[in-house]
Amino acid sequence: MTKQEKLLRENIRDMIRHVKQKKLNEEQELKTIIRKFVDMEIKTLVSEAAVADIDPTPNKSTGINVLEELLKKIIPVLETDYKSLTTDNSQRQSFRAHIINAVVNTLTPAKVNTDAGESNELTEDIDIDLGGEDKFIDIRTDAEKKAEEPEEEEDPRDSFGAGVEGDETGRNVAYQSFKKIESSIIDSYELLSNSEDQELFYDYLIANLKLYFDKFESELSPEAEEPTNQAYSMAKDDQEAASDTAGLDALEEYINSL
């Protein structure tokens, strides 16, 4: 081996060592910065959580406070039933549409009654029958007469889904699901007498139901991104860095073998 070749090999080795050391120093510095940042974020989150647990701040609106308690009761029920519909997306879309429609139909009469007050009087026309030899006067109302007429019993699921298109299975599951939560919705709304509270409760209930259905659907999506955390990311970076330096090690070993 000539003196020139020996000098060239030494220079190459020095360059490889320099690159490897620089890379390791940069990675160590980056990890230190990331760890400090993560530690600060964790401390902040823990501090905020402790304050929230000790002194929770209620919403400014009573209607929103009542709605929050209602959602705690009904969302788990809706989530379980919604996520049970896995055969086809149309079943879940139908479930969603029928639940929203049922909530609107349930609360709309309450809103109308609140706006109109209790001053409405019920009036009914009396159908008087003067026919017959005994001059019998029939004082039944039209509603009573109709009630006494034999008729086929209607499937309650049909009336529940009236006016809403969609998969029948989704409708049927929505019917069963709504029966579980209907009384809770009505009871919560009837707690409120302030018109502003009632309006906020109604609007935010519909909006939150739609948002939660969006959330449930995203959780069912097969294309959802896999959750990760900082520890995994750092471990993966270490693995990739080790792979990079392995290439430099192989090059140095090759130079030594010459």
C-alpha atoms as a PDB file:
ATOM      1  CA  MET A   1       0.000   0.000   0.000  1.00  0.00           C
ATOM      2  CA  THR A   2       1.410   3.377  -0.969  1.00  0.00           C
ATOM      3  CA  LYS A   3       1.652   6.316   1.385  1.00  0.00           C
ATOM      4  CA  GLN A   4      -0.923   8.186  -0.716  1.00  0.00           C
ATOM      5  CA  GLU A   5      -3.453   5.328  -0.502  1.00  0.00           C
ATOM      6  CA  LYS A   6      -2.954   5.079   3.249  1.00  0.00           C
ATOM      7  CA  LEU A   7      -3.555   8.807   3.658  1.00  0.00           C
ATOM      8  CA  LEU A   8      -6.712   8.606   1.522  1.00  0.00           C
ATOM      9  CA  ARG A   9      -8.155   5.828   3.680  1.00  0.00           C
ATOM     10  CA  GLU A  10      -7.441   7.765   6.853  1.00  0.00           C
ATOM     11  CA  ASN A  11      -9.179  10.824   5.435  1.00  0.00           C
ATOM     12  CA  ILE A  12     -12.240   8.754   4.466  1.00  0.00           C
ATOM     13  CA  ARG A  13     -12.390   7.215   7.947  1.00  0.00           C
ATOM     14  CA  ASP A  14     -12.175  10.653   9.527  1.00  0.00           C
ATOM     15  CA  MET A  15     -15.027  11.926   7.357  1.00  0.00           C
ATOM     16  CA  ILE A  16     -17.229   8.923   8.237  1.00  0.00           C
ATOM     17  CA  ARG A  17     -16.580   9.399  11.974  1.00  0.00           C
ATOM     18  CA  HIS A  18     -17.319  13.105  11.667  1.00  0.00           C
ATOM     19  CA  VAL A  19     -20.640  12.528   9.864  1.00  0.00           C
ATOM     20  CA  LYS A  20     -21.725   9.844  12.336  1.00  0.00           C
ATOM     21  CA  GLN A  21     -20.850  11.974  15.357  1.00  0.00           C
ATOM     22  CA  LYS A  22     -22.567  15.042  13.939  1.00  0.00           C
ATOM     23  CA  LYS A  23     -25.718  13.046  13.191  1.00  0.00           C
ATOM     24  CA  LEU A  24     -25.797  11.546  16.703  1.00  0.00           C
ATOM     25  CA  ASN A  25     -25.266  14.970  18.300  1.00  0.00           C
ATOM     26  CA  GLU A  26     -28.095  16.516  16.269  1.00  0.00           C
ATOM     27  CA  GLU A  27     -30.462  13.658  17.116  1.00  0.00           C
ATOM     28  CA  GLN A  28     -29.621  13.882  20.812  1.00  0.00           C
ATOM     29  CA  GLU A  29     -30.200  17.628  20.814  1.00  0.00           C
ATOM     30  CA  LEU A  30     -33.550  17.216  19.049  1.00  0.00           C
ATOM     31  CA  LYS A  31     -34.670  14.515  21.500  1.00  0.00           C
ATOM     32  CA  THR A  32     -33.756  16.752  24.437  1.00  0.00           C
ATOM     33  CA  ILE A  33     -35.846  19.601  23.030  1.00  0.00           C
ATOM     34  CA  ILE A  34     -38.810  17.294  22.327  1.00  0.00           C
ATOM     35  CA  ARG A  35     -38.679  15.770  25.812  1.00  0.00           C
ATOM     36  CA  LYS A  36     -38.654  19.227  27.438  1.00  0.00           C
ATOM     37  CA  PHE A  37     -41.620  20.284  25.312  1.00  0.00           C
ATOM     38  CA  VAL A  38     -43.583  17.102  26.111  1.00  0.00           C
ATOM     39  CA  ASP A  39     -42.863  17.486  29.834  1.00  0.00           C
ATOM     40  CA  MET A  40     -44.142  21.074  29.759  1.00  0.00           C
ATOM     41  CA  GLU A  41     -47.299  20.071  27.898  1.00  0.00           C
ATOM     42  CA  ILE A  42     -48.013  17.225  30.338  1.00  0.00           C
ATOM     43  CA  LYS A  43     -47.570  19.500  33.331  1.00  0.00           C
ATOM     44  CA  THR A  44     -49.915  22.062  31.794  1.00  0.00           C
ATOM     45  CA  LEU A  45     -52.602  19.463  31.015  1.00  0.00           C
ATOM     46  CA  VAL A  46     -52.378  17.952  34.505  1.00  0.00           C
ATOM     47  CA  SER A  47     -52.650  21.381  36.076  1.00  0.00           C
ATOM     48  CA  GLU A  48     -55.685  22.318  33.978  1.00  0.00           C
ATOM     49  CA  ALA A  49     -57.366  18.991  34.683  1.00  0.00           C
ATOM     50  CA  ALA A  50     -56.842  19.407  38.423  1.00  0.00           C
ATOM     51  CA  VAL A  51     -58.411  22.872  38.348  1.00  0.00           C
ATOM     52  CA  ALA A  52     -61.342  21.586  36.268  1.00  0.00           C
ATOM     53  CA  ASP A  53     -62.000  18.740  38.688  1.00  0.00           C
ATOM     54  CA  ILE A  54     -61.846  20.957  41.760  1.00  0.00           C
ATOM     55  CA  ASP A  55     -63.812  23.909  40.445  1.00  0.00           C
ATOM     56  CA  PRO A  56     -65.820  23.064  37.311  1.00  0.00           C
ATOM     57  CA  THR A  57     -67.232  26.128  35.593  1.00  0.00           C
ATOM     58  CA  PRO A  58     -70.859  25.732  34.492  1.00  0.00           C
ATOM     59  CA  ASN A  59     -72.158  27.155  31.252  1.00  0.00           C
ATOM     60  CA  LYS A  60     -73.752  30.576  31.276  1.00  0.00           C
ATOM     61  CA  SER A  61     -77.033  29.150  30.005  1.00  0.00           C
ATOM     62  CA  THR A  62     -79.245  26.906  32.114  1.00  0.00           C
ATOM     63  CA  GLY A  63     -80.538  25.391  28.889  1.00  0.00           C
ATOM     64  CA  ILE A  64     -77.028  24.270  27.928  1.00  0.00           C
ATOM     65  CA  ASN A  65     -76.395  22.892  31.424  1.00  0.00           C
ATOM     66  CA  VAL A  66     -79.572  20.804  31.224  1.00  0.00           C
ATOM     67  CA  LEU A  67     -78.678  19.671  27.711  1.00  0.00           C
ATOM     68  CA  GLU A  68     -75.206  18.577  28.841  1.00  0.00           C
ATOM     69  CA  GLU A  69     -76.726  16.287  31.474  1.00  0.00           C
ATOM     70  CA  LEU A  70     -79.187  14.923  28.933  1.00  0.00           C
ATOM     71  CA  LEU A  71     -76.434  14.126  26.417  1.00  0.00           C
ATOM     72  CA  LYS A  72     -74.590  12.126  29.070  1.00  0.00           C
ATOM     73  CA  LYS A  73     -77.666   9.886  29.294  1.00  0.00           C
ATOM     74  CA  ILE A  74     -78.676   9.494  25.668  1.00  0.00           C
ATOM     75  CA  ILE A  75     -75.435   9.567  23.647  1.00  0.00           C
ATOM     76  CA  PRO A  76     -74.162   6.178  24.936  1.00  0.00           C
ATOM     77  CA  VAL A  77     -77.516   4.622  23.992  1.00  0.00           C
ATOM     78  CA  LEU A  78     -77.454   6.096  20.497  1.00  0.00           C
ATOM     79  CA  GLU A  79     -73.799   5.174  19.988  1.00  0.00           C
ATOM     80  CA  THR A  80     -74.379   1.511  20.846  1.00  0.00           C
ATOM     81  CA  ASP A  81     -77.390   1.192  18.550  1.00  0.00           C
ATOM     82  CA  TYR A  82     -75.831   3.208  15.707  1.00  0.00           C
ATOM     83  CA  LYS A  83     -72.645   1.163  15.698  1.00  0.00           C
ATOM     84  CA  SER A  84     -74.627  -2.081  15.657  1.00  0.00           C
ATOM     85  CA  LEU A  85     -75.702  -1.279  12.078  1.00  0.00           C
ATOM     86  CA  THR A  86     -72.667  -2.579  10.208  1.00  0.00           C
ATOM     87  CA  THR A  87     -74.122  -4.315   7.141  1.00  0.00           C
ATOM     88  CA  ASP A  88     -74.475  -1.179   5.064  1.00  0.00           C
ATOM     89  CA  ASN A  89     -73.953   2.549   5.454  1.00  0.00           C
ATOM     90  CA  SER A  90     -77.546   3.175   4.337  1.00  0.00           C
ATOM     91  CA  GLN A  91     -78.771   1.558   7.573  1.00  0.00           C
ATOM     92  CA  ARG A  92     -76.844   4.065   9.664  1.00  0.00           C
ATOM     93  CA  GLN A  93     -77.953   6.984   7.503  1.00  0.00           C
ATOM     94  CA  SER A  94     -81.558   5.890   7.961  1.00  0.00           C
ATOM     95  CA  PHE A  95     -81.060   5.527  11.726  1.00  0.00           C
ATOM     96  CA  ARG A  96     -79.612   9.022  11.904  1.00  0.00           C
ATOM     97  CA  ALA A  97     -82.383  10.634   9.845  1.00  0.00           C
ATOM     98  CA  HIS A  98     -85.160   8.944  11.823  1.00  0.00           C
ATOM     99  CA  ILE A  99     -83.678   9.886  15.214  1.00  0.00           C
ATOM    100  CA  ILE A 100     -83.282  13.545  14.237  1.00  0.00           C
ATOM    101  CA  ASN A 101     -86.798  13.625  12.797  1.00  0.00           C
ATOM    102  CA  ALA A 102     -88.235  12.001  15.937  1.00  0.00           C
ATOM    103  CA  VAL A 103     -86.552  14.569  18.201  1.00  0.00           C
ATOM    104  CA  VAL A 104     -87.916  17.423  16.084  1.00  0.00           C
ATOM    105  CA  ASN A 105     -91.427  15.926  16.077  1.00  0.00           C
ATOM    106  CA  THR A 106     -91.298  15.340  19.829  1.00  0.00           C
ATOM    107  CA  LEU A 107     -90.151  18.812  20.820  1.00  0.00           C
ATOM    108  CA  THR A 108     -92.034  20.853  18.216  1.00  0.00           C
ATOM    109  CA  PRO A 109     -95.445  20.481  19.959  1.00  0.00           C
ATOM    110  CA  ALA A 110     -93.817  21.495  23.237  1.00  0.00           C
ATOM    111  CA  LYS A 111     -92.340  24.582  21.560  1.00  0.00           C
ATOM    112  CA  VAL A 112     -95.697  25.474  20.014  1.00  0.00           C
ATOM    113  CA  ASN A 113     -97.510  25.068  23.322  1.00  0.00           C
ATOM    114  CA  THR A 114     -94.949  27.243  25.051  1.00  0.00           C
ATOM    115  CA  ASP A 115     -95.314  29.983  22.440  1.00  0.00           C
ATOM    116  CA  ALA A 116     -99.073  29.851  22.430  1.00  0.00           C
ATOM    117  CA  GLY A 117     -99.509  29.618  26.202  1.00  0.00           C
ATOM    118  CA  GLU A 118    -102.243  27.761  27.968  1.00  0.00           C
ATOM    119  CA  SER A 119    -105.100  29.953  26.734  1.00  0.00           C
ATOM    120  CA  ASN A 120    -106.227  27.705  23.907  1.00  0.00           C
ATOM    121  CA  GLU A 121    -109.603  26.116  24.420  1.00  0.00           C
ATOM    122  CA  LEU A 122    -110.610  22.769  22.927  1.00  0.00           C
ATOM    123  CA  THR A 123    -113.795  22.911  20.856  1.00  0.00           C
ATOM    124  CA  GLU A 124    -115.474  19.998  19.162  1.00  0.00           C
ATOM    125  CA  ASP A 125    -118.431  19.816  16.828  1.00  0.00           C
ATOM    126  CA  ILE A 126    -121.309  17.696  18.126  1.00  0.00           C
ATOM    127  CA  ASP A 127    -122.901  15.431  15.543  1.00  0.00           C
ATOM    128  CA  ILE A 128    -126.579  15.173  16.481  1.00  0.00           C
ATOM    129  CA  ASP A 129    -128.657  12.392  14.903  1.00  0.00           C
ATOM    130  CA  LEU A 130    -132.357  13.196  14.905  1.00  0.00           C
ATOM    131  CA  GLY A 131    -133.359  10.162  12.900  1.00  0.00           C
ATOM    132  CA  GLY A 132    -135.171   7.063  14.200  1.00  0.00           C
ATOM    133  CA  GLU A 133    -138.494   6.499  15.825  1.00  0.00           C
ATOM    134  CA  ASP A 134    -137.157   6.864  19.366  1.00  0.00           C
ATOM    135  CA  LYS A 135    -135.670  10.255  18.522  1.00  0.00           C
ATOM    136  CA  PHE A 136    -132.303   9.101  19.943  1.00  0.00           C
ATOM    137  CA  ILE A 137    -129.804  11.949  20.128  1.00  0.00           C
ATOM    138  CA  ASP A 138    -126.260  10.756  19.569  1.00  0.00           C
ATOM    139  CA  ILE A 139    -123.945  13.061  21.516  1.00  0.00           C
ATOM    140  CA  ARG A 140    -120.699  11.288  20.629  1.00  0.00           C
ATOM    141  CA  THR A 141    -117.983  13.383  19.023  1.00  0.00           C
ATOM    142  CA  ASP A 142    -116.542  12.524  15.631  1.00  0.00           C
ATOM    143  CA  ALA A 143    -113.361  11.346  17.366  1.00  0.00           C
ATOM    144  CA  GLU A 144    -115.327   9.002  19.634  1.00  0.00           C
ATOM    145  CA  LYS A 145    -117.289   7.574  16.731  1.00  0.00           C
ATOM    146  CA  LYS A 146    -114.124   6.974  14.757  1.00  0.00           C
ATOM    147  CA  ALA A 147    -112.489   5.322  17.731  1.00  0.00           C
ATOM    148  CA  GLU A 148    -115.349   2.815  17.953  1.00  0.00           C
ATOM    149  CA  GLU A 149    -115.069   1.862  14.295  1.00  0.00           C
ATOM    150  CA  PRO A 150    -113.091  -1.340  13.717  1.00  0.00           C
ATOM    151  CA  GLU A 151    -109.873  -0.735  11.830  1.00  0.00           C
ATOM    152  CA  GLU A 152    -106.579  -2.427  11.206  1.00  0.00           C
ATOM    153  CA  GLU A 153    -103.940  -1.807  13.845  1.00  0.00           C
ATOM    154  CA  GLU A 154    -101.103   0.312  12.435  1.00  0.00           C
ATOM    155  CA  ASP A 155     -97.501  -0.683  12.956  1.00  0.00           C
ATOM    156  CA  PRO A 156     -96.096   2.044  15.243  1.00  0.00           C
ATOM    157  CA  ARG A 157     -92.823   1.889  13.333  1.00  0.00           C
ATOM    158  CA  ASP A 158     -94.646   3.077  10.204  1.00  0.00           C
ATOM    159  CA  SER A 159     -95.974   6.193  11.911  1.00  0.00           C
ATOM    160  CA  PHE A 160     -92.563   6.732  13.538  1.00  0.00           C
ATOM    161  CA  GLY A 161     -90.900   6.781  10.119  1.00  0.00           C
ATOM    162  CA  ALA A 162     -93.603   8.754   8.317  1.00  0.00           C
ATOM    163  CA  GLY A 163     -92.132  11.375   6.015  1.00  0.00           C
ATOM    164  CA  VAL A 164     -88.587  10.035   6.233  1.00  0.00           C
ATOM    165  CA  GLU A 165     -87.018   7.942   3.492  1.00  0.00           C
ATOM    166  CA  GLY A 166     -84.404   5.357   4.351  1.00  0.00           C
ATOM    167  CA  ASP A 167     -83.447   1.776   5.031  1.00  0.00           C
ATOM    168  CA  GLU A 168     -86.150  -0.098   6.963  1.00  0.00           C
ATOM    169  CA  THR A 169     -83.705  -1.834   9.302  1.00  0.00           C
ATOM    170  CA  GLY A 170     -82.204   1.520  10.228  1.00  0.00           C
ATOM    171  CA  ARG A 171     -85.703   2.854  10.872  1.00  0.00           C
ATOM    172  CA  ASN A 172     -86.636  -0.101  13.093  1.00  0.00           C
ATOM    173  CA  VAL A 173     -83.480   0.179  15.194  1.00  0.00           C
ATOM    174  CA  ALA A 174     -84.002   3.952  15.460  1.00  0.00           C
ATOM    175  CA  TYR A 175     -87.562   3.316  16.695  1.00  0.00           C
ATOM    176  CA  GLN A 176     -86.339   1.003  19.463  1.00  0.00           C
ATOM    177  CA  SER A 177     -83.500   3.368  20.336  1.00  0.00           C
ATOM    178  CA  PHE A 178     -85.709   6.447  20.524  1.00  0.00           C
ATOM    179  CA  LYS A 179     -88.136   4.700  22.885  1.00  0.00           C
ATOM    180  CA  LYS A 180     -85.232   4.407  25.342  1.00  0.00           C
ATOM    181  CA  ILE A 181     -84.434   8.128  25.316  1.00  0.00           C
ATOM    182  CA  GLU A 182     -87.726   9.876  24.493  1.00  0.00           C
ATOM    183  CA  SER A 183     -88.855  10.431  28.079  1.00  0.00           C
ATOM    184  CA  SER A 184     -85.448  11.805  29.078  1.00  0.00           C
ATOM    185  CA  ILE A 185     -85.587  14.353  26.247  1.00  0.00           C
ATOM    186  CA  ILE A 186     -89.097  15.490  27.147  1.00  0.00           C
ATOM    187  CA  ASP A 187     -88.358  15.652  30.885  1.00  0.00           C
ATOM    188  CA  SER A 188     -85.214  17.723  30.302  1.00  0.00           C
ATOM    189  CA  TYR A 189     -86.979  20.184  27.992  1.00  0.00           C
ATOM    190  CA  GLU A 190     -89.918  20.609  30.373  1.00  0.00           C
ATOM    191  CA  LEU A 191     -87.537  21.661  33.147  1.00  0.00           C
ATOM    192  CA  LEU A 192     -87.026  24.907  31.249  1.00  0.00           C
ATOM    193  CA  SER A 193     -89.521  27.743  31.240  1.00  0.00           C
ATOM    194  CA  ASN A 194     -87.262  30.513  29.986  1.00  0.00           C
ATOM    195  CA  SER A 195     -87.775  30.914  26.233  1.00  0.00           C
ATOM    196  CA  GLU A 196     -84.084  31.592  25.577  1.00  0.00           C
ATOM    197  CA  ASP A 197     -83.081  28.446  27.483  1.00  0.00           C
ATOM    198  CA  GLN A 198     -85.635  26.428  25.531  1.00  0.00           C
ATOM    199  CA  GLU A 199     -84.391  27.761  22.196  1.00  0.00           C
ATOM    200  CA  LEU A 200     -80.750  27.028  23.028  1.00  0.00           C
ATOM    201  CA  PHE A 201     -81.626  23.566  24.317  1.00  0.00           C
ATOM    202  CA  TYR A 202     -83.523  22.725  21.120  1.00  0.00           C
ATOM    203  CA  ASP A 203     -80.976  24.108  18.663  1.00  0.00           C
ATOM    204  CA  TYR A 204     -77.929  22.677  20.416  1.00  0.00           C
ATOM    205  CA  LEU A 205     -79.573  19.280  20.906  1.00  0.00           C
ATOM    206  CA  ILE A 206     -80.138  18.884  17.162  1.00  0.00           C
ATOM    207  CA  ALA A 207     -76.661  20.188  16.343  1.00  0.00           C
ATOM    208  CA  ASN A 208     -74.955  17.899  18.866  1.00  0.00           C
ATOM    209  CA  LEU A 209     -76.843  14.825  17.713  1.00  0.00           C
ATOM    210  CA  LYS A 210     -75.624  15.448  14.162  1.00  0.00           C
ATOM    211  CA  LEU A 211     -72.058  16.019  15.356  1.00  0.00           C
ATOM    212  CA  TYR A 212     -72.062  12.852  17.438  1.00  0.00           C
ATOM    213  CA  PHE A 213     -73.388  10.824  14.508  1.00  0.00           C
ATOM    214  CA  ASP A 214     -70.512  12.227  12.410  1.00  0.00           C
ATOM    215  CA  LYS A 215     -68.120  11.149  15.163  1.00  0.00           C
ATOM    216  CA  PHE A 216     -69.584   7.634  15.341  1.00  0.00           C
ATOM    217  CA  GLU A 217     -69.278   7.253  11.575  1.00  0.00           C
ATOM    218  CA  SER A 218     -65.644   8.356  11.552  1.00  0.00           C
ATOM    219  CA  GLU A 219     -64.885   5.819  14.274  1.00  0.00           C
ATOM    220  CA  LEU A 220     -66.396   3.076  12.122  1.00  0.00           C
ATOM    221  CA  SER A 221     -64.448   4.112   9.009  1.00  0.00           C
ATOM    222  CA  PRO A 222     -61.883   1.489   7.917  1.00  0.00           C
ATOM    223  CA  GLU A 223     -59.656   4.309   6.670  1.00  0.00           C
ATOM    224  CA  ALA A 224     -59.281   5.873  10.101  1.00  0.00           C
ATOM    225  CA  GLU A 225     -55.677   6.759  10.955  1.00  0.00           C
ATOM    226  CA  GLU A 226     -54.097   4.504  13.554  1.00  0.00           C
ATOM    227  CA  PRO A 227     -53.640   6.314  16.915  1.00  0.00           C
ATOM    228  CA  THR A 228     -50.058   6.908  18.075  1.00  0.00           C
ATOM    229  CA  ASN A 229     -48.199   8.649  20.888  1.00  0.00           C
ATOM    230  CA  GLN A 230     -44.933  10.480  21.530  1.00  0.00           C
ATOM    231  CA  ALA A 231     -43.137   7.432  22.943  1.00  0.00           C
ATOM    232  CA  TYR A 232     -43.856   5.436  19.788  1.00  0.00           C
ATOM    233  CA  SER A 233     -42.726   8.293  17.532  1.00  0.00           C
ATOM    234  CA  MET A 234     -39.433   8.692  19.373  1.00  0.00           C
ATOM    235  CA  ALA A 235     -38.768   4.946  19.310  1.00  0.00           C
ATOM    236  CA  LYS A 236     -39.435   4.889  15.587  1.00  0.00           C
ATOM    237  CA  ASP A 237     -37.040   7.811  15.050  1.00  0.00           C
ATOM    238  CA  ASP A 238     -34.344   5.937  16.997  1.00  0.00           C
ATOM    239  CA  GLN A 239     -34.879   2.900  14.789  1.00  0.00           C
ATOM    240  CA  GLU A 240     -34.560   4.938  11.612  1.00  0.00           C
ATOM    241  CA  ALA A 241     -31.430   6.682  12.930  1.00  0.00           C
ATOM    242  CA  ALA A 242     -29.861   3.319  13.728  1.00  0.00           C
ATOM    243  CA  SER A 243     -30.596   2.215  10.171  1.00  0.00           C
ATOM    244  CA  ASP A 244     -28.857   5.328   8.777  1.00  0.00           C
ATOM    245  CA  THR A 245     -25.704   4.880  10.883  1.00  0.00           C
ATOM    246  CA  ALA A 246     -25.593   1.193   9.961  1.00  0.00           C
ATOM    247  CA  GLY A 247     -24.887   2.226   6.384  1.00  0.00           C
ATOM    248  CA  LEU A 248     -21.968   4.361   7.504  1.00  0.00           C
ATOM    249  CA  ASP A 249     -20.639   1.484   9.645  1.00  0.00           C
ATOM    250  CA  ALA A 250     -20.736  -0.827   6.632  1.00  0.00           C
ATOM    251  CA  LEU A 251     -18.828   1.699   4.542  1.00  0.00           C
ATOM    252  CA  GLU A 252     -16.159   2.107   7.218  1.00  0.00           C
ATOM    253  CA  GLU A 253     -15.805  -1.663   7.525  1.00  0.00           C
ATOM    254  CA  TYR A 254     -15.361  -1.936   3.772  1.00  0.00           C
ATOM    255  CA  ILE A 255     -12.619   0.725   3.806  1.00  0.00           C
ATOM    256  CA  ASN A 256     -10.815  -1.133   6.596  1.00  0.00           C
ATOM    257  CA  SER A 257     -10.929  -4.352   4.630  1.00  0.00           C
ATOM    258  CA  LEU A 258      -9.076  -2.860   1.657  1.00  0.00           C
END
